[in-house]
C-alpha cells in the first residue's frame, strides 16, 4: 500500500537519511540528488491520476529573496490533489483545477564567483515540470536533468558546492 501524499516530507526524510544526510542540515548535493531520485519514485495515494498531472517533479535554481537572496537549488515533487470539499465547485466550474502541493528541499549556498551569472539564468531556466510515470520513464527524465545540469557551468558548480543551509517542507504550490 502506498503512503498518502501528505506524508511526502517524511518519505523524503527517510530517503535523505538512507543516504547519510541530516534532513535539517543537508550538506552534500551529490548525496541529496540520489535521495531525491529515490523519493520521486515512491508511489503515493490521494493524488489526481497521471493524465491530470497528479505527480511530477522539478529542479530549480536561482536566488530566493526570503532567504537573504542567497543562491539556491530546489528539488521539488508536486502533487495535484482533489479536495472533497471542492466537489460542488468542481461540478459547477468548467475551469476548476485541483490543488497543487509541493514537497521541496531547498539548498542554500554562499555567494561565489562561480555562479555570479546565476541571476541571468534565474528560475526561468530551471528544468520544467516532468510528469513521466514512476518507473523507468521517470528515471530517464531524472537522468536527462542531471545531464542538462552538467552542461550549465553555474549550476554544476553549485551542484559540487557545500550548501550553507537547507529546508524541507510541504507547501501549497504558488
C-alpha atoms as a PDB file:
ATOM      1  CA  UNK A   1       0.000   0.000   0.000  1.00  0.00           C
ATOM      2  CA  UNK A   2       1.346   3.423  -0.961  1.00  0.00           C
ATOM      3  CA  UNK A   3       1.781   6.253   1.526  1.00  0.00           C
ATOM      4  CA  UNK A   4      -0.538   9.255   1.479  1.00  0.00           C
ATOM      5  CA  UNK A   5       0.800  12.334  -0.335  1.00  0.00           C
ATOM      6  CA  UNK A   6       0.673  14.386   2.888  1.00  0.00           C
ATOM      7  CA  UNK A   7       3.407  12.078   4.206  1.00  0.00           C
ATOM      8  CA  UNK A   8       5.695  13.235   1.386  1.00  0.00           C
ATOM      9  CA  UNK A   9       8.109  15.131   3.648  1.00  0.00           C
ATOM     10  CA  UNK A  10       8.526  12.098   5.891  1.00  0.00           C
ATOM     11  CA  UNK A  11       9.200   9.896   2.853  1.00  0.00           C
ATOM     12  CA  UNK A  12      11.849  12.344   1.647  1.00  0.00           C
ATOM     13  CA  UNK A  13      13.400  12.487   5.139  1.00  0.00           C
ATOM     14  CA  UNK A  14      13.723   8.682   5.124  1.00  0.00           C
ATOM     15  CA  UNK A  15      15.437   8.777   1.720  1.00  0.00           C
ATOM     16  CA  UNK A  16      17.834  11.512   2.880  1.00  0.00           C
ATOM     17  CA  UNK A  17      18.728   9.511   5.991  1.00  0.00           C
ATOM     18  CA  UNK A  18      19.361   6.380   3.901  1.00  0.00           C
ATOM     19  CA  UNK A  19      21.893   8.490   2.001  1.00  0.00           C
ATOM     20  CA  UNK A  20      23.582   9.627   5.212  1.00  0.00           C
ATOM     21  CA  UNK A  21      22.121  13.136   5.290  1.00  0.00           C
ATOM     22  CA  UNK A  22      20.583  15.105   8.126  1.00  0.00           C
ATOM     23  CA  UNK A  23      17.292  16.453   6.700  1.00  0.00           C
ATOM     24  CA  UNK A  24      17.697  19.636   8.768  1.00  0.00           C
ATOM     25  CA  UNK A  25      21.232  20.333   7.507  1.00  0.00           C
ATOM     26  CA  UNK A  26      21.796  18.803   4.072  1.00  0.00           C
ATOM     27  CA  UNK A  27      25.442  19.441   3.258  1.00  0.00           C
ATOM     28  CA  UNK A  28      26.058  17.399   0.107  1.00  0.00           C
ATOM     29  CA  UNK A  29      24.153  17.904  -3.149  1.00  0.00           C
ATOM     30  CA  UNK A  30      25.760  14.802  -4.672  1.00  0.00           C
ATOM     31  CA  UNK A  31      24.089  12.676  -1.971  1.00  0.00           C
ATOM     32  CA  UNK A  32      20.859  14.699  -1.870  1.00  0.00           C
ATOM     33  CA  UNK A  33      20.257  14.073  -5.578  1.00  0.00           C
ATOM     34  CA  UNK A  34      20.038  10.248  -5.304  1.00  0.00           C
ATOM     35  CA  UNK A  35      17.801  10.681  -2.254  1.00  0.00           C
ATOM     36  CA  UNK A  36      15.526  12.910  -4.353  1.00  0.00           C
ATOM     37  CA  UNK A  37      15.599  10.376  -7.194  1.00  0.00           C
ATOM     38  CA  UNK A  38      14.538   7.684  -4.730  1.00  0.00           C
ATOM     39  CA  UNK A  39      11.808   9.885  -3.229  1.00  0.00           C
ATOM     40  CA  UNK A  40      10.188  10.775  -6.564  1.00  0.00           C
ATOM     41  CA  UNK A  41       9.914   7.072  -7.421  1.00  0.00           C
ATOM     42  CA  UNK A  42       7.841   6.250  -4.302  1.00  0.00           C
ATOM     43  CA  UNK A  43       4.148   5.706  -5.139  1.00  0.00           C
ATOM     44  CA  UNK A  44       1.684   7.855  -3.182  1.00  0.00           C
ATOM     45  CA  UNK A  45      -2.075   7.786  -2.671  1.00  0.00           C
ATOM     46  CA  UNK A  46      -4.594  10.595  -2.687  1.00  0.00           C
ATOM     47  CA  UNK A  47      -3.437  12.344  -5.853  1.00  0.00           C
ATOM     48  CA  UNK A  48      -5.033  13.021  -9.212  1.00  0.00           C
ATOM     49  CA  UNK A  49      -4.416  10.458 -11.975  1.00  0.00           C
ATOM     50  CA  UNK A  50      -1.369  10.649 -14.244  1.00  0.00           C
ATOM     51  CA  UNK A  51      -3.401  12.014 -17.171  1.00  0.00           C
ATOM     52  CA  UNK A  52      -4.223  15.022 -14.934  1.00  0.00           C
ATOM     53  CA  UNK A  53      -0.558  15.563 -13.955  1.00  0.00           C
ATOM     54  CA  UNK A  54      -1.146  14.185 -10.477  1.00  0.00           C
ATOM     55  CA  UNK A  55       2.536  13.613  -9.668  1.00  0.00           C
ATOM     56  CA  UNK A  56       5.535  15.455 -11.044  1.00  0.00           C
ATOM     57  CA  UNK A  57       8.869  16.974 -10.158  1.00  0.00           C
ATOM     58  CA  UNK A  58      11.046  19.983 -10.959  1.00  0.00           C
ATOM     59  CA  UNK A  59      14.606  21.079 -10.328  1.00  0.00           C
ATOM     60  CA  UNK A  60      15.090  24.840  -9.954  1.00  0.00           C
ATOM     61  CA  UNK A  61      17.946  27.232  -9.289  1.00  0.00           C
ATOM     62  CA  UNK A  62      18.312  30.926  -8.702  1.00  0.00           C
ATOM     63  CA  UNK A  63      18.117  33.260  -5.735  1.00  0.00           C
ATOM     64  CA  UNK A  64      15.440  33.153  -3.079  1.00  0.00           C
ATOM     65  CA  UNK A  65      14.560  36.557  -1.648  1.00  0.00           C
ATOM     66  CA  UNK A  66      13.079  35.036   1.518  1.00  0.00           C
ATOM     67  CA  UNK A  67      16.491  33.540   2.351  1.00  0.00           C
ATOM     68  CA  UNK A  68      18.629  36.672   2.161  1.00  0.00           C
ATOM     69  CA  UNK A  69      18.734  36.453  -1.645  1.00  0.00           C
ATOM     70  CA  UNK A  70      21.114  33.505  -1.418  1.00  0.00           C
ATOM     71  CA  UNK A  71      21.745  31.240  -4.404  1.00  0.00           C
ATOM     72  CA  UNK A  72      19.622  28.104  -4.148  1.00  0.00           C
ATOM     73  CA  UNK A  73      18.969  24.715  -5.697  1.00  0.00           C
ATOM     74  CA  UNK A  74      15.480  23.368  -5.142  1.00  0.00           C
ATOM     75  CA  UNK A  75      14.338  19.778  -5.642  1.00  0.00           C
ATOM     76  CA  UNK A  76      10.528  19.651  -5.759  1.00  0.00           C
ATOM     77  CA  UNK A  77       7.923  16.926  -6.076  1.00  0.00           C
ATOM     78  CA  UNK A  78       4.468  18.275  -6.856  1.00  0.00           C
ATOM     79  CA  UNK A  79       1.146  16.574  -6.203  1.00  0.00           C
ATOM     80  CA  UNK A  80      -2.217  17.545  -7.680  1.00  0.00           C
ATOM     81  CA  UNK A  81      -4.903  16.661  -5.165  1.00  0.00           C
ATOM     82  CA  UNK A  82      -8.665  16.628  -5.143  1.00  0.00           C
ATOM     83  CA  UNK A  83     -10.187  18.168  -2.062  1.00  0.00           C
ATOM     84  CA  UNK A  84     -13.551  16.600  -1.315  1.00  0.00           C
ATOM     85  CA  UNK A  85     -14.749  19.999  -0.082  1.00  0.00           C
ATOM     86  CA  UNK A  86     -14.264  21.272  -3.655  1.00  0.00           C
ATOM     87  CA  UNK A  87     -16.616  18.657  -5.150  1.00  0.00           C
ATOM     88  CA  UNK A  88     -19.534  21.060  -5.600  1.00  0.00           C
ATOM     89  CA  UNK A  89     -17.276  23.804  -7.030  1.00  0.00           C
ATOM     90  CA  UNK A  90     -15.700  21.284  -9.430  1.00  0.00           C
ATOM     91  CA  UNK A  91     -19.098  20.223 -10.760  1.00  0.00           C
ATOM     92  CA  UNK A  92     -20.161  23.850 -11.336  1.00  0.00           C
ATOM     93  CA  UNK A  93     -16.923  25.369 -12.690  1.00  0.00           C
ATOM     94  CA  UNK A  94     -15.634  24.128 -16.036  1.00  0.00           C
ATOM     95  CA  UNK A  95     -12.229  25.733 -15.258  1.00  0.00           C
ATOM     96  CA  UNK A  96     -11.812  24.068 -11.855  1.00  0.00           C
ATOM     97  CA  UNK A  97      -8.276  22.859 -11.114  1.00  0.00           C
ATOM     98  CA  UNK A  98      -7.024  20.508  -8.405  1.00  0.00           C
ATOM     99  CA  UNK A  99      -4.967  21.872  -5.536  1.00  0.00           C
ATOM    100  CA  UNK A 100      -1.211  21.573  -6.033  1.00  0.00           C
ATOM    101  CA  UNK A 101       1.177  20.846  -3.177  1.00  0.00           C
ATOM    102  CA  UNK A 102       4.981  20.802  -3.237  1.00  0.00           C
ATOM    103  CA  UNK A 103       7.416  18.789  -1.177  1.00  0.00           C
ATOM    104  CA  UNK A 104      10.555  20.902  -1.542  1.00  0.00           C
ATOM    105  CA  UNK A 105      14.148  20.528  -0.490  1.00  0.00           C
ATOM    106  CA  UNK A 106      15.776  23.941  -0.731  1.00  0.00           C
ATOM    107  CA  UNK A 107      19.576  24.019  -0.608  1.00  0.00           C
ATOM    108  CA  UNK A 108      21.168  27.435   0.004  1.00  0.00           C
ATOM    109  CA  UNK A 109      24.698  28.498  -0.841  1.00  0.00           C
ATOM    110  CA  UNK A 110      27.084  31.315  -0.006  1.00  0.00           C
ATOM    111  CA  UNK A 111      27.801  33.652  -2.888  1.00  0.00           C
ATOM    112  CA  UNK A 112      30.661  32.625  -5.146  1.00  0.00           C
ATOM    113  CA  UNK A 113      32.187  33.948  -8.377  1.00  0.00           C
ATOM    114  CA  UNK A 114      31.428  30.509  -9.870  1.00  0.00           C
ATOM    115  CA  UNK A 115      27.755  31.387 -10.077  1.00  0.00           C
ATOM    116  CA  UNK A 116      27.915  35.159 -10.425  1.00  0.00           C
ATOM    117  CA  UNK A 117      25.736  34.999 -13.567  1.00  0.00           C
ATOM    118  CA  UNK A 118      23.061  32.936 -11.842  1.00  0.00           C
ATOM    119  CA  UNK A 119      20.751  35.947 -11.791  1.00  0.00           C
ATOM    120  CA  UNK A 120      20.745  35.963 -15.591  1.00  0.00           C
ATOM    121  CA  UNK A 121      19.571  32.352 -15.633  1.00  0.00           C
ATOM    122  CA  UNK A 122      17.191  32.619 -12.681  1.00  0.00           C
ATOM    123  CA  UNK A 123      14.123  30.457 -12.296  1.00  0.00           C
ATOM    124  CA  UNK A 124      13.164  30.813 -15.958  1.00  0.00           C
ATOM    125  CA  UNK A 125      15.948  28.422 -16.970  1.00  0.00           C
ATOM    126  CA  UNK A 126      15.112  25.798 -14.402  1.00  0.00           C
ATOM    127  CA  UNK A 127      14.056  22.386 -15.585  1.00  0.00           C
ATOM    128  CA  UNK A 128      10.348  22.400 -16.295  1.00  0.00           C
ATOM    129  CA  UNK A 129       7.958  20.100 -14.541  1.00  0.00           C
ATOM    130  CA  UNK A 130       8.164  16.491 -15.558  1.00  0.00           C
ATOM    131  CA  UNK A 131       5.161  14.230 -15.158  1.00  0.00           C
ATOM    132  CA  UNK A 132       6.578  10.980 -16.501  1.00  0.00           C
ATOM    133  CA  UNK A 133       5.171   7.982 -14.636  1.00  0.00           C
ATOM    134  CA  UNK A 134       7.066   6.399 -11.777  1.00  0.00           C
ATOM    135  CA  UNK A 135       9.470   3.733 -13.014  1.00  0.00           C
ATOM    136  CA  UNK A 136      11.846   3.635 -15.977  1.00  0.00           C
ATOM    137  CA  UNK A 137      10.318   6.688 -17.670  1.00  0.00           C
ATOM    138  CA  UNK A 138      10.783   8.840 -14.582  1.00  0.00           C
ATOM    139  CA  UNK A 139      14.314   7.506 -14.095  1.00  0.00           C
ATOM    140  CA  UNK A 140      15.122   8.523 -17.672  1.00  0.00           C
ATOM    141  CA  UNK A 141      13.716  12.015 -17.058  1.00  0.00           C
ATOM    142  CA  UNK A 142      15.880  12.366 -13.933  1.00  0.00           C
ATOM    143  CA  UNK A 143      18.943  11.278 -15.934  1.00  0.00           C
ATOM    144  CA  UNK A 144      18.168  13.905 -18.602  1.00  0.00           C
ATOM    145  CA  UNK A 145      18.003  16.598 -15.938  1.00  0.00           C
ATOM    146  CA  UNK A 146      21.355  15.567 -14.446  1.00  0.00           C
ATOM    147  CA  UNK A 147      22.937  15.652 -17.917  1.00  0.00           C
ATOM    148  CA  UNK A 148      21.427  19.073 -18.628  1.00  0.00           C
ATOM    149  CA  UNK A 149      22.725  20.479 -15.339  1.00  0.00           C
ATOM    150  CA  UNK A 150      26.256  19.275 -16.106  1.00  0.00           C
ATOM    151  CA  UNK A 151      26.125  21.469 -19.232  1.00  0.00           C
ATOM    152  CA  UNK A 152      25.399  24.606 -17.159  1.00  0.00           C
ATOM    153  CA  UNK A 153      28.629  25.862 -15.561  1.00  0.00           C
ATOM    154  CA  UNK A 154      26.964  27.960 -12.836  1.00  0.00           C
ATOM    155  CA  UNK A 155      24.530  25.263 -11.769  1.00  0.00           C
ATOM    156  CA  UNK A 156      27.027  22.401 -11.980  1.00  0.00           C
ATOM    157  CA  UNK A 157      29.433  24.456  -9.803  1.00  0.00           C
ATOM    158  CA  UNK A 158      26.638  24.894  -7.280  1.00  0.00           C
ATOM    159  CA  UNK A 159      25.936  21.146  -7.509  1.00  0.00           C
ATOM    160  CA  UNK A 160      29.522  20.465  -6.345  1.00  0.00           C
ATOM    161  CA  UNK A 161      29.498  23.119  -3.593  1.00  0.00           C
ATOM    162  CA  UNK A 162      28.611  22.640   0.058  1.00  0.00           C
ATOM    163  CA  UNK A 163      25.237  24.157   0.987  1.00  0.00           C
ATOM    164  CA  UNK A 164      25.248  26.569   3.923  1.00  0.00           C
ATOM    165  CA  UNK A 165      21.646  25.737   4.756  1.00  0.00           C
ATOM    166  CA  UNK A 166      18.658  23.669   3.770  1.00  0.00           C
ATOM    167  CA  UNK A 167      14.928  23.496   4.328  1.00  0.00           C
ATOM    168  CA  UNK A 168      12.491  20.658   3.662  1.00  0.00           C
ATOM    169  CA  UNK A 169       8.769  21.175   3.728  1.00  0.00           C
ATOM    170  CA  UNK A 170       5.286  20.708   2.318  1.00  0.00           C
ATOM    171  CA  UNK A 171       3.761  23.886   0.917  1.00  0.00           C
ATOM    172  CA  UNK A 172       0.898  24.817  -1.376  1.00  0.00           C
ATOM    173  CA  UNK A 173       2.234  25.482  -4.867  1.00  0.00           C
ATOM    174  CA  UNK A 174       2.299  29.119  -5.895  1.00  0.00           C
END
